[in-house]
Amino acid sequence: MMNLTIKSSGDDVKTIQEMLAEMGFQPGSVDGLYGGKTEVAVIKFQEEQGLYADGVVGPNTWNAIREALAIHRDEQISPAVDDSGHTLMDWQRVSADRYKGGYDRFFLREDVASAYMRVYEQVQQAGGLITSSGARRSLKAKMNSSRSATSFHYTGRALDLFVGSGMKKTRTDPFIISPDGDRLWRVYARAEGGTQMDLKAVTYDSRETGKIVTGRFIDLTSLFKEEGFERIRARSSFFKKGPWLGAEWWHFQYEHGLEKGLSTFGDELLKVYSESELRETPVWQYRHRVFGVNWF
């Protein structure tokens, strides 16, 4: 797709208009003509997603629209049973706090959803937020250098906090991100009902140096760990002026019930999808990866 902007026309423009309209961005008539109303709708979408708001639909905006629409449609729910008649785990919709371009809900596997909601309720009671950049990933999602082919997101075992809710403005961000050794972070949620703390806060600009921030916070990393969620390490390239998406502070994955050396990626996929759904997807080729060996 070429960049779409004012005076562009054709089927691609019509598709963008249809997608924006479905998400409530009001692009005007769905006529394939890129006019002022469509431009305003695109800019509004870009602003909510934290993208460069220039009103131009290039590759980044196009991909963001597709992914946002998939979330909006709640994606495709798996059947209740697999090909052999075995009952599959349900996907459950859980709540999040909308913050800027983040989402106010997402989907997790049923047992993971229950664990997450226990964390969410504690944070809510303390007056904090839990934001979201999503959780469940489509089996057909395009793979790239920033997306693992064996991500826990495919299995319903992972969630991402909104990437723009921490490491940006330490005075106002919902989350403070502190170094915790060996490329790990500790995430603290700002909350009136939390504990008074002095925290070393890093940003996407400072990355390693950080500065002290004082306030009332909850140790969100500890709350997640109590419920079976683990964090992952930042990419080493992040500390060498690499892309900010390598920070990975927002990612938490549910590892409860997995056995190192035994549990496989394929086994986990088959708990939420039938084999017929998986067979022709890119992720299925990695089904034999073993937890703690060649799968995380």
Protein backbone atom coordinates (compact mmCIF):
# COMPACT_ATOMS: atom_id res chain seq x y z
CA MET A 1 0.00 0.00 0.00
CA MET A 2 1.27 3.47 -0.92
CA ASN A 3 0.93 6.33 1.55
CA LEU A 4 -2.65 7.57 1.64
CA THR A 5 -3.32 11.26 2.19
CA ILE A 6 -5.59 14.13 1.10
CA LYS A 7 -6.84 13.63 -2.49
CA SER A 8 -5.92 9.92 -2.52
CA SER A 9 -8.70 7.70 -3.80
CA GLY A 10 -9.53 4.08 -4.51
CA ASP A 11 -10.26 0.81 -2.74
CA ASP A 12 -7.48 1.22 -0.17
CA VAL A 13 -8.96 4.52 0.96
CA LYS A 14 -12.40 2.93 1.18
CA THR A 15 -11.00 0.10 3.28
CA ILE A 16 -9.38 2.55 5.71
CA GLN A 17 -12.64 4.50 5.93
CA GLU A 18 -14.60 1.34 6.68
CA MET A 19 -12.15 0.30 9.41
CA LEU A 20 -12.08 3.73 11.04
CA ALA A 21 -15.86 3.99 10.89
CA GLU A 22 -16.25 0.60 12.56
CA MET A 23 -14.06 1.83 15.43
CA GLY A 24 -16.05 5.04 15.78
CA PHE A 25 -13.59 7.53 14.30
CA GLN A 26 -16.16 9.07 11.89
CA PRO A 27 -14.18 9.41 8.62
CA GLY A 28 -17.18 10.79 6.73
CA SER A 29 -18.69 9.04 3.72
CA VAL A 30 -17.21 5.63 2.94
CA ASP A 31 -16.66 6.55 -0.70
CA GLY A 32 -12.99 5.88 -1.38
CA LEU A 33 -12.16 9.60 -1.48
CA TYR A 34 -9.61 10.83 1.08
CA GLY A 35 -11.11 14.14 2.19
CA GLY A 36 -10.90 16.37 5.22
CA LYS A 37 -13.09 14.24 7.48
CA THR A 38 -11.03 11.16 6.73
CA GLU A 39 -7.84 13.07 7.49
CA VAL A 40 -9.25 14.26 10.83
CA ALA A 41 -10.27 10.67 11.69
CA VAL A 42 -6.78 9.39 10.86
CA ILE A 43 -5.13 12.10 12.97
CA LYS A 44 -7.40 11.30 15.91
CA PHE A 45 -6.54 7.62 15.60
CA GLN A 46 -2.81 8.38 15.39
CA GLU A 47 -2.97 10.62 18.46
CA GLU A 48 -4.74 7.93 20.48
CA GLN A 49 -2.16 5.36 19.42
CA GLY A 50 0.84 7.57 20.17
CA LEU A 51 1.83 7.67 16.50
CA TYR A 52 3.15 10.68 14.59
CA ALA A 53 -0.13 12.50 13.90
CA ASP A 54 0.34 13.71 10.33
CA GLY A 55 -2.90 12.42 8.83
CA VAL A 56 -1.01 10.15 6.44
CA VAL A 57 -1.73 6.42 6.36
CA GLY A 58 1.68 4.86 5.86
CA PRO A 59 2.81 1.34 6.88
CA ASN A 60 2.93 2.06 10.63
CA THR A 61 -0.53 3.63 10.75
CA TRP A 62 -1.98 0.94 8.49
CA ASN A 63 -0.65 -1.84 10.76
CA ALA A 64 -1.88 -0.02 13.86
CA ILE A 65 -5.38 0.33 12.38
CA ARG A 66 -5.52 -3.37 11.54
CA GLU A 67 -4.41 -4.40 15.02
CA ALA A 68 -6.75 -1.96 16.74
CA LEU A 69 -9.66 -3.24 14.68
CA ALA A 70 -8.84 -6.84 15.62
CA ILE A 71 -9.04 -5.86 19.28
CA HIS A 72 -12.24 -3.88 18.63
CA ARG A 73 -13.87 -6.92 17.11
CA ASP A 74 -12.67 -8.97 20.04
CA GLU A 75 -10.92 -11.13 17.48
CA GLN A 76 -12.15 -14.64 16.77
CA ILE A 77 -13.20 -16.68 19.76
CA SER A 78 -12.10 -20.33 19.71
CA PRO A 79 -14.71 -23.09 19.58
CA ALA A 80 -15.74 -24.74 22.84
CA VAL A 81 -14.22 -28.08 21.81
CA ASP A 82 -11.30 -29.14 19.64
CA ASP A 83 -11.29 -31.61 16.72
CA SER A 84 -11.27 -34.59 19.09
CA GLY A 85 -14.11 -33.33 21.23
CA HIS A 86 -11.90 -32.15 24.08
CA THR A 87 -13.04 -29.00 25.83
CA LEU A 88 -10.90 -25.95 25.18
CA MET A 89 -10.22 -23.20 27.68
CA ASP A 90 -12.36 -20.11 27.20
CA TRP A 91 -10.98 -16.71 26.26
CA GLN A 92 -12.22 -14.20 28.80
CA ARG A 93 -12.51 -10.46 28.43
CA VAL A 94 -10.91 -8.54 31.30
CA SER A 95 -10.86 -4.87 32.22
CA ALA A 96 -8.05 -2.34 31.93
CA ASP A 97 -7.81 1.41 32.44
CA ARG A 98 -7.73 3.36 29.20
CA TYR A 99 -4.74 5.67 29.11
CA LYS A 100 -3.99 7.76 26.04
CA GLY A 101 -3.76 5.31 23.12
CA GLY A 102 -4.17 2.18 25.25
CA TYR A 103 -7.14 -0.18 25.49
CA ASP A 104 -9.80 -0.55 28.16
CA ARG A 105 -10.08 -4.33 27.84
CA PHE A 106 -8.31 -7.35 26.43
CA PHE A 107 -8.55 -11.15 26.33
CA LEU A 108 -6.70 -13.83 28.30
CA ARG A 109 -7.08 -17.57 28.78
CA GLU A 110 -9.63 -18.21 31.53
CA ASP A 111 -7.23 -19.22 34.34
CA VAL A 112 -4.86 -16.40 33.45
CA ALA A 113 -7.77 -13.96 33.36
CA SER A 114 -8.70 -14.89 36.92
CA ALA A 115 -5.14 -14.35 38.14
CA TYR A 116 -4.90 -11.01 36.32
CA MET A 117 -8.19 -9.76 37.77
CA ARG A 118 -6.94 -10.39 41.30
CA VAL A 119 -4.02 -8.08 40.57
CA TYR A 120 -6.24 -5.53 38.85
CA GLU A 121 -8.64 -5.35 41.79
CA GLN A 122 -5.81 -4.73 44.28
CA VAL A 123 -4.42 -1.91 42.16
CA GLN A 124 -7.88 -0.40 41.70
CA GLN A 125 -8.54 -0.47 45.45
CA ALA A 126 -5.29 1.43 46.05
CA GLY A 127 -6.24 4.07 43.49
CA GLY A 128 -3.82 2.99 40.76
CA LEU A 129 -4.22 2.09 37.10
CA ILE A 130 -3.45 -0.94 34.97
CA THR A 131 -3.17 0.10 31.35
CA SER A 132 -3.09 -2.09 28.26
CA SER A 133 -1.46 -2.43 24.86
CA GLY A 134 -3.27 -5.74 24.40
CA ALA A 135 -2.77 -9.40 25.19
CA ARG A 136 -4.11 -12.07 22.83
CA ARG A 137 -2.27 -12.14 19.52
CA SER A 138 -3.85 -13.34 16.31
CA LEU A 139 -2.44 -16.60 14.95
CA LYS A 140 -2.05 -14.78 11.65
CA ALA A 141 -0.18 -11.79 13.08
CA LYS A 142 2.86 -10.84 11.03
CA MET A 143 6.14 -11.90 12.65
CA ASN A 144 9.10 -9.54 12.81
CA SER A 145 12.24 -8.87 14.83
CA SER A 146 10.23 -7.36 17.69
CA ARG A 147 7.70 -10.21 17.88
CA SER A 148 8.72 -13.64 19.06
CA ALA A 149 7.32 -16.52 17.01
CA THR A 150 6.69 -18.38 20.28
CA SER A 151 5.29 -15.49 22.31
CA PHE A 152 3.12 -16.29 25.30
CA HIS A 153 0.61 -13.88 23.74
CA TYR A 154 -0.44 -16.62 21.29
CA THR A 155 -1.34 -18.95 24.18
CA GLY A 156 -3.35 -16.47 26.24
CA ARG A 157 -0.67 -16.40 28.92
CA ALA A 158 0.72 -12.86 28.44
CA LEU A 159 -0.31 -9.24 28.64
CA ASP A 160 1.32 -5.90 27.80
CA LEU A 161 0.83 -2.73 29.79
CA PHE A 162 0.44 0.32 27.56
CA VAL A 163 3.92 1.19 26.32
CA GLY A 164 3.23 4.91 26.66
CA SER A 165 2.25 4.74 30.34
CA GLY A 166 5.78 4.47 31.69
CA MET A 167 9.34 5.58 30.88
CA LYS A 168 8.11 8.88 29.45
CA LYS A 169 7.18 11.55 32.02
CA THR A 170 8.20 10.38 35.46
CA ARG A 171 6.14 13.05 37.24
CA THR A 172 2.85 11.93 35.74
CA ASP A 173 3.22 8.44 34.23
CA PRO A 174 0.97 5.77 35.82
CA PHE A 175 4.08 3.60 36.13
CA ILE A 176 7.62 4.20 37.31
CA ILE A 177 10.20 1.84 35.79
CA SER A 178 13.27 1.08 37.92
CA PRO A 179 16.36 -0.98 36.98
CA ASP A 180 16.43 -4.32 38.79
CA GLY A 181 19.64 -5.94 37.53
CA ASP A 182 20.54 -8.10 34.53
CA ARG A 183 18.34 -6.20 32.02
CA LEU A 184 15.28 -6.57 34.27
CA TRP A 185 12.90 -3.85 35.42
CA ARG A 186 10.68 -3.42 38.44
CA VAL A 187 7.39 -1.70 37.65
CA TYR A 188 5.71 0.47 40.26
CA ALA A 189 2.13 1.72 39.92
CA ARG A 190 1.43 5.25 41.12
CA ALA A 191 -1.37 5.00 43.71
CA GLU A 192 -2.64 7.17 46.56
CA GLY A 193 -3.18 4.07 48.65
CA GLY A 194 0.35 2.82 48.06
CA THR A 195 3.52 3.15 50.12
CA GLN A 196 5.64 6.28 50.19
CA MET A 197 8.82 5.53 48.22
CA ASP A 198 11.86 7.13 46.66
CA LEU A 199 12.40 5.33 43.35
CA LYS A 200 15.09 5.46 40.72
CA ALA A 201 13.13 6.10 37.52
CA VAL A 202 14.50 5.64 34.01
CA THR A 203 12.99 6.88 30.76
CA TYR A 204 13.28 6.02 27.09
CA ASP A 205 15.78 8.88 26.88
CA SER A 206 17.89 8.15 29.97
CA ARG A 207 17.60 4.33 29.83
CA GLU A 208 20.24 3.59 32.47
CA THR A 209 20.99 6.73 34.46
CA GLY A 210 17.55 7.60 35.86
CA LYS A 211 16.58 10.02 38.60
CA ILE A 212 14.88 9.80 41.99
CA VAL A 213 11.08 10.15 41.99
CA THR A 214 9.18 10.46 45.27
CA GLY A 215 5.56 9.47 45.75
CA ARG A 216 3.15 6.74 46.79
CA PHE A 217 3.47 3.54 44.79
CA ILE A 218 2.58 -0.15 44.63
CA ASP A 219 5.17 -2.72 43.57
CA LEU A 220 3.24 -4.04 40.57
CA THR A 221 5.96 -6.53 39.63
CA SER A 222 5.59 -8.20 43.04
CA LEU A 223 1.80 -8.30 42.78
CA PHE A 224 2.01 -9.99 39.40
CA LYS A 225 4.60 -12.48 40.65
CA GLU A 226 2.37 -13.48 43.56
CA GLU A 227 -0.24 -14.51 40.98
CA GLY A 228 2.16 -16.45 38.74
CA PHE A 229 3.23 -13.74 36.28
CA GLU A 230 6.90 -13.24 35.44
CA ARG A 231 8.67 -10.38 33.64
CA ILE A 232 11.12 -10.72 30.77
CA ARG A 233 14.46 -9.04 30.12
CA ALA A 234 14.97 -5.97 28.01
CA ARG A 235 16.81 -6.59 24.76
CA SER A 236 20.52 -5.88 25.08
CA SER A 237 20.23 -3.58 22.04
CA PHE A 238 18.00 -1.26 24.07
CA PHE A 239 21.00 -0.21 26.15
CA LYS A 240 23.05 0.44 23.02
CA LYS A 241 20.73 3.12 21.68
CA GLY A 242 18.58 0.52 19.95
CA PRO A 243 14.81 0.87 19.36
CA TRP A 244 12.83 1.84 22.44
CA LEU A 245 10.52 -1.12 21.84
CA GLY A 246 13.36 -3.28 23.15
CA ALA A 247 12.67 -2.07 26.70
CA GLU A 248 10.01 -4.78 27.29
CA TRP A 249 9.13 -3.40 30.75
CA TRP A 250 5.43 -3.71 29.94
CA HIS A 251 5.37 -7.48 29.32
CA PHE A 252 4.17 -9.97 31.96
CA GLN A 253 3.64 -13.66 31.25
CA TYR A 254 1.86 -16.28 33.29
CA GLU A 255 4.22 -19.19 33.94
CA HIS A 256 2.26 -20.96 36.67
CA GLY A 257 1.69 -24.61 35.75
CA LEU A 258 4.47 -24.81 33.17
CA GLU A 259 7.20 -27.42 33.75
CA LYS A 260 10.70 -26.70 32.52
CA GLY A 261 11.91 -29.38 30.15
CA LEU A 262 8.40 -30.80 29.69
CA SER A 263 5.78 -28.22 28.72
CA THR A 264 5.72 -27.37 25.02
CA PHE A 265 4.52 -24.38 23.05
CA GLY A 266 2.24 -26.68 21.05
CA ASP A 267 0.60 -28.12 24.16
CA GLU A 268 -0.26 -24.62 25.32
CA LEU A 269 -1.65 -23.60 21.94
CA LEU A 270 -3.87 -26.68 21.93
CA LYS A 271 -5.46 -25.62 25.21
CA VAL A 272 -7.14 -22.68 23.47
CA TYR A 273 -7.23 -23.65 19.77
CA SER A 274 -8.10 -26.78 17.85
CA GLU A 275 -5.37 -28.37 15.74
CA SER A 276 -7.32 -27.60 12.56
CA GLU A 277 -7.15 -23.88 13.43
CA LEU A 278 -3.43 -24.11 14.10
CA ARG A 279 -2.23 -26.37 11.30
CA GLU A 280 -1.83 -23.72 8.59
CA THR A 281 -0.58 -20.89 10.82
CA PRO A 282 3.05 -19.68 11.09
CA VAL A 283 3.25 -20.42 14.82
CA TRP A 284 2.44 -24.13 14.48
CA GLN A 285 5.89 -24.93 13.10
CA TYR A 286 7.30 -24.07 16.52
CA ARG A 287 4.98 -26.40 18.45
CA HIS A 288 7.80 -28.68 19.63
CA ARG A 289 9.67 -25.89 21.47
CA VAL A 290 10.12 -26.84 25.12
CA PHE A 291 9.68 -24.47 28.04
CA GLY A 292 12.99 -23.62 29.69
CA VAL A 293 14.97 -25.23 26.87
CA ASN A 294 14.30 -23.46 23.56
CA TRP A 295 11.05 -21.74 24.50
CA PHE A 296 11.79 -18.84 26.84
